[in-house]
């Protein structure tokens, strides 16, 4: 099953679409990014990184990113390629 369809079906089955405004999705994305940051808060104190928690937070970030892309009709793959192209022009290889 395509990931976007899985996410939309999951959301719609719970009637959460009403809460998926642009600002709400952006805030949720930022909250998940903060939770990701917390995993790395004290990495040098003999505490290994919890890879399951890391995967969960990265998945949450990706989910909210996909919901935002779906809401605004953005093709994420195309946006990534365009951004890499912009960055390549902005930061050329010095060689």
Protein backbone atom coordinates (compact mmCIF):
# COMPACT_ATOMS: atom_id res chain seq x y z
CA UNK A 1 0.00 0.00 0.00
CA UNK A 2 1.28 3.46 -0.84
CA UNK A 3 2.38 5.36 2.28
CA UNK A 4 0.34 8.49 1.52
CA UNK A 5 -2.83 6.44 1.05
CA UNK A 6 -2.12 4.55 4.28
CA UNK A 7 -1.74 7.84 6.16
CA UNK A 8 -4.83 9.45 4.68
CA UNK A 9 -6.93 6.32 5.32
CA UNK A 10 -5.66 6.21 8.93
CA UNK A 11 -6.47 9.89 9.45
CA UNK A 12 -9.88 9.71 7.80
CA UNK A 13 -10.94 6.61 9.75
CA UNK A 14 -10.45 8.66 12.93
CA UNK A 15 -12.00 11.85 11.54
CA UNK A 16 -8.78 13.77 12.26
CA UNK A 17 -8.80 15.66 8.96
CA UNK A 18 -10.68 18.53 10.59
CA UNK A 19 -7.62 19.16 12.77
CA UNK A 20 -5.11 19.00 9.93
CA UNK A 21 -4.92 22.67 9.11
CA UNK A 22 -1.61 24.04 7.87
CA UNK A 23 -0.76 25.73 11.19
CA UNK A 24 -1.74 22.68 13.25
CA UNK A 25 0.34 20.35 11.09
CA UNK A 26 3.31 22.74 11.22
CA UNK A 27 3.08 22.93 15.03
CA UNK A 28 2.84 19.16 15.27
CA UNK A 29 5.89 18.83 13.05
CA UNK A 30 7.85 21.17 15.32
CA UNK A 31 6.77 19.26 18.43
CA UNK A 32 7.99 16.01 16.90
CA UNK A 33 11.29 17.66 15.92
CA UNK A 34 11.71 18.76 19.55
CA UNK A 35 11.07 15.20 20.70
CA UNK A 36 13.75 14.04 18.26
CA UNK A 37 16.14 16.60 19.71
CA UNK A 38 15.47 15.30 23.22
CA UNK A 39 16.85 11.88 22.21
CA UNK A 40 20.21 13.55 21.57
CA UNK A 41 20.12 15.85 24.59
CA UNK A 42 22.66 13.93 26.66
CA UNK A 43 24.32 11.49 24.25
CA UNK A 44 27.77 11.55 25.84
CA UNK A 45 26.69 10.48 29.33
CA UNK A 46 27.18 6.75 28.72
CA UNK A 47 23.60 6.47 27.53
CA UNK A 48 23.19 4.74 24.18
CA UNK A 49 20.79 6.18 21.67
CA UNK A 50 17.43 4.41 21.83
CA UNK A 51 17.13 3.43 18.16
CA UNK A 52 13.46 2.50 18.51
CA UNK A 53 12.63 5.93 19.92
CA UNK A 54 14.75 7.53 17.20
CA UNK A 55 12.88 5.62 14.48
CA UNK A 56 9.52 6.54 16.05
CA UNK A 57 10.32 10.27 16.13
CA UNK A 58 11.70 10.27 12.59
CA UNK A 59 8.53 8.49 11.45
CA UNK A 60 6.37 11.09 13.22
CA UNK A 61 8.29 13.88 11.48
CA UNK A 62 7.92 12.17 8.11
CA UNK A 63 4.19 11.62 8.71
CA UNK A 64 3.50 15.29 9.46
CA UNK A 65 5.68 16.33 6.54
CA UNK A 66 3.66 14.08 4.23
CA UNK A 67 0.37 15.41 5.60
CA UNK A 68 1.55 18.97 4.89
CA UNK A 69 2.63 18.02 1.38
CA UNK A 70 -0.70 16.32 0.74
CA UNK A 71 -2.62 19.33 2.04
CA UNK A 72 -0.79 21.79 -0.22
CA UNK A 73 -0.36 19.55 -3.26
CA UNK A 74 3.42 19.34 -2.97
CA UNK A 75 5.23 16.38 -4.50
CA UNK A 76 7.84 15.71 -1.80
CA UNK A 77 10.25 13.86 -4.09
CA UNK A 78 10.14 16.69 -6.64
CA UNK A 79 10.58 19.29 -3.89
CA UNK A 80 13.64 17.46 -2.54
CA UNK A 81 15.21 17.21 -5.99
CA UNK A 82 14.55 20.91 -6.65
CA UNK A 83 16.10 21.84 -3.28
CA UNK A 84 19.19 19.72 -3.92
CA UNK A 85 19.57 21.45 -7.29
CA UNK A 86 19.27 24.87 -5.62
CA UNK A 87 21.82 23.88 -2.98
CA UNK A 88 24.20 22.57 -5.63
CA UNK A 89 24.08 25.95 -7.34
CA UNK A 90 24.41 27.85 -4.07
CA UNK A 91 27.22 25.63 -2.75
CA UNK A 92 29.27 24.50 -5.75
CA UNK A 93 32.03 21.97 -5.40
CA UNK A 94 35.33 23.78 -5.11
CA UNK A 95 37.53 21.74 -7.28
